[in-house]
Amino acid sequence: MIAILKGKGAIWTIFRTLAIQSACDPEALRLRIQRLDTEQIKEKRNQLAHGGPVPRETAHALREIVIGDRSTPGILGWLAEQLAPPKERT
């Protein structure tokens, strides 16, 4: 997992730290992050947010990977279910 997160910036370091603290399956996290990279989600998202119209297939792929549905959560739903916030100091 560290290899795929290397060079991805601070947000990925945070995800990795939260995954370790949450005791979630690091392989499951790695696969989801790898899918974001493999399917060029960053580029598709930027095209959708800053470009003109995008093909319906691109918008559908983004929705499926990022949001998902009830039976197969996307990365956001999976992260919400798996990653616990850092414990507050008392």
C-alpha atoms as a PDB file:
ATOM      1  CA  MET A   1       0.000   0.000   0.000  1.00  0.00           C
ATOM      2  CA  ILE A   2       2.805   2.420   0.812  1.00  0.00           C
ATOM      3  CA  ALA A   3       4.176   2.158  -2.736  1.00  0.00           C
ATOM      4  CA  ILE A   4       0.893   3.213  -4.296  1.00  0.00           C
ATOM      5  CA  LEU A   5       0.490   6.111  -1.868  1.00  0.00           C
ATOM      6  CA  LYS A   6       4.037   7.335  -2.289  1.00  0.00           C
ATOM      7  CA  GLY A   7       4.107  10.631  -4.110  1.00  0.00           C
ATOM      8  CA  LYS A   8       0.328  11.082  -3.933  1.00  0.00           C
ATOM      9  CA  GLY A   9       0.466  13.934  -1.443  1.00  0.00           C
ATOM     10  CA  ALA A  10      -0.606  14.639   2.085  1.00  0.00           C
ATOM     11  CA  ILE A  11      -4.171  13.390   1.690  1.00  0.00           C
ATOM     12  CA  TRP A  12      -2.946   9.879   0.936  1.00  0.00           C
ATOM     13  CA  THR A  13      -0.669   9.965   3.972  1.00  0.00           C
ATOM     14  CA  ILE A  14      -3.716  10.857   6.052  1.00  0.00           C
ATOM     15  CA  PHE A  15      -5.719   7.974   4.559  1.00  0.00           C
ATOM     16  CA  ARG A  16      -2.898   5.549   5.266  1.00  0.00           C
ATOM     17  CA  THR A  17      -2.592   6.746   8.864  1.00  0.00           C
ATOM     18  CA  LEU A  18      -6.347   6.508   9.404  1.00  0.00           C
ATOM     19  CA  ALA A  19      -6.387   3.017   7.893  1.00  0.00           C
ATOM     20  CA  ILE A  20      -3.700   1.848  10.299  1.00  0.00           C
ATOM     21  CA  GLN A  21      -5.484   3.435  13.288  1.00  0.00           C
ATOM     22  CA  SER A  22      -8.829   1.992  12.195  1.00  0.00           C
ATOM     23  CA  ALA A  23      -7.468  -1.512  11.690  1.00  0.00           C
ATOM     24  CA  CYS A  24      -9.228  -1.715   8.336  1.00  0.00           C
ATOM     25  CA  ASP A  25      -8.049  -4.098   5.658  1.00  0.00           C
ATOM     26  CA  PRO A  26      -5.009  -2.362   4.121  1.00  0.00           C
ATOM     27  CA  GLU A  27      -5.303  -4.479   0.959  1.00  0.00           C
ATOM     28  CA  ALA A  28      -8.906  -3.335   0.447  1.00  0.00           C
ATOM     29  CA  LEU A  29      -7.793   0.282   0.830  1.00  0.00           C
ATOM     30  CA  ARG A  30      -4.879  -0.271  -1.544  1.00  0.00           C
ATOM     31  CA  LEU A  31      -7.172  -1.761  -4.183  1.00  0.00           C
ATOM     32  CA  ARG A  32      -9.588   1.153  -3.970  1.00  0.00           C
ATOM     33  CA  ILE A  33      -6.821   3.710  -4.202  1.00  0.00           C
ATOM     34  CA  GLN A  34      -5.244   1.806  -7.067  1.00  0.00           C
ATOM     35  CA  ARG A  35      -8.592   1.835  -8.885  1.00  0.00           C
ATOM     36  CA  LEU A  36      -8.756   5.619  -8.518  1.00  0.00           C
ATOM     37  CA  ASP A  37      -5.339   5.829 -10.132  1.00  0.00           C
ATOM     38  CA  THR A  38      -5.868   3.148 -12.778  1.00  0.00           C
ATOM     39  CA  GLU A  39      -9.172   4.560 -13.967  1.00  0.00           C
ATOM     40  CA  GLN A  40      -7.755   8.100 -14.081  1.00  0.00           C
ATOM     41  CA  ILE A  41     -10.360   9.509 -11.736  1.00  0.00           C
ATOM     42  CA  LYS A  42      -8.388  12.709 -11.176  1.00  0.00           C
ATOM     43  CA  GLU A  43      -8.351  13.509 -14.869  1.00  0.00           C
ATOM     44  CA  LYS A  44     -12.030  12.598 -15.342  1.00  0.00           C
ATOM     45  CA  ARG A  45     -13.024  14.678 -12.326  1.00  0.00           C
ATOM     46  CA  ASN A  46     -11.056  17.675 -13.583  1.00  0.00           C
ATOM     47  CA  GLN A  47     -12.609  17.303 -17.022  1.00  0.00           C
ATOM     48  CA  LEU A  48     -16.075  17.249 -15.480  1.00  0.00           C
ATOM     49  CA  ALA A  49     -15.423  20.129 -13.085  1.00  0.00           C
ATOM     50  CA  HIS A  50     -13.470  22.463 -15.350  1.00  0.00           C
ATOM     51  CA  GLY A  51     -14.143  21.444 -18.920  1.00  0.00           C
ATOM     52  CA  GLY A  52     -17.077  21.421 -21.184  1.00  0.00           C
ATOM     53  CA  PRO A  53     -19.588  18.624 -21.509  1.00  0.00           C
ATOM     54  CA  VAL A  54     -18.286  15.121 -20.818  1.00  0.00           C
ATOM     55  CA  PRO A  55     -19.521  11.840 -22.251  1.00  0.00           C
ATOM     56  CA  ARG A  56     -22.250  10.147 -20.248  1.00  0.00           C
ATOM     57  CA  GLU A  57     -19.938   7.150 -19.790  1.00  0.00           C
ATOM     58  CA  THR A  58     -17.347   9.347 -18.059  1.00  0.00           C
ATOM     59  CA  ALA A  59     -19.920  10.795 -15.667  1.00  0.00           C
ATOM     60  CA  HIS A  60     -21.290   7.315 -14.948  1.00  0.00           C
ATOM     61  CA  ALA A  61     -17.797   5.927 -14.265  1.00  0.00           C
ATOM     62  CA  LEU A  62     -17.084   8.758 -11.820  1.00  0.00           C
ATOM     63  CA  ARG A  63     -20.345   8.216  -9.993  1.00  0.00           C
ATOM     64  CA  GLU A  64     -19.813   4.471  -9.772  1.00  0.00           C
ATOM     65  CA  ILE A  65     -16.267   4.721  -8.438  1.00  0.00           C
ATOM     66  CA  VAL A  66     -16.681   7.702  -6.128  1.00  0.00           C
ATOM     67  CA  ILE A  67     -20.257   7.307  -4.865  1.00  0.00           C
ATOM     68  CA  GLY A  68     -21.310   3.780  -5.815  1.00  0.00           C
ATOM     69  CA  ASP A  69     -24.718   2.490  -4.770  1.00  0.00           C
ATOM     70  CA  ARG A  70     -26.308   0.608  -1.862  1.00  0.00           C
ATOM     71  CA  SER A  71     -24.998  -2.770  -2.941  1.00  0.00           C
ATOM     72  CA  THR A  72     -21.515  -1.603  -3.912  1.00  0.00           C
ATOM     73  CA  PRO A  73     -20.321   1.534  -2.145  1.00  0.00           C
ATOM     74  CA  GLY A  74     -17.841   3.757  -3.924  1.00  0.00           C
ATOM     75  CA  ILE A  75     -14.642   4.998  -2.337  1.00  0.00           C
ATOM     76  CA  LEU A  76     -16.433   7.674  -0.272  1.00  0.00           C
ATOM     77  CA  GLY A  77     -18.923   5.253   1.261  1.00  0.00           C
ATOM     78  CA  TRP A  78     -16.231   2.670   1.885  1.00  0.00           C
ATOM     79  CA  LEU A  79     -14.000   5.218   3.605  1.00  0.00           C
ATOM     80  CA  ALA A  80     -16.901   6.425   5.751  1.00  0.00           C
ATOM     81  CA  GLU A  81     -17.620   2.851   6.849  1.00  0.00           C
ATOM     82  CA  GLN A  82     -14.029   1.764   7.391  1.00  0.00           C
ATOM     83  CA  LEU A  83     -11.990   4.694   8.637  1.00  0.00           C
ATOM     84  CA  ALA A  84     -12.413   5.882  12.180  1.00  0.00           C
ATOM     85  CA  PRO A  85     -11.434   9.456  13.013  1.00  0.00           C
ATOM     86  CA  PRO A  86      -8.402   9.936  15.234  1.00  0.00           C
ATOM     87  CA  LYS A  87      -9.202   9.576  18.928  1.00  0.00           C
ATOM     88  CA  GLU A  88      -9.683  12.879  20.617  1.00  0.00           C
ATOM     89  CA  ARG A  89      -7.235  13.781  23.312  1.00  0.00           C
ATOM     90  CA  THR A  90      -8.814  14.322  26.695  1.00  0.00           C
END
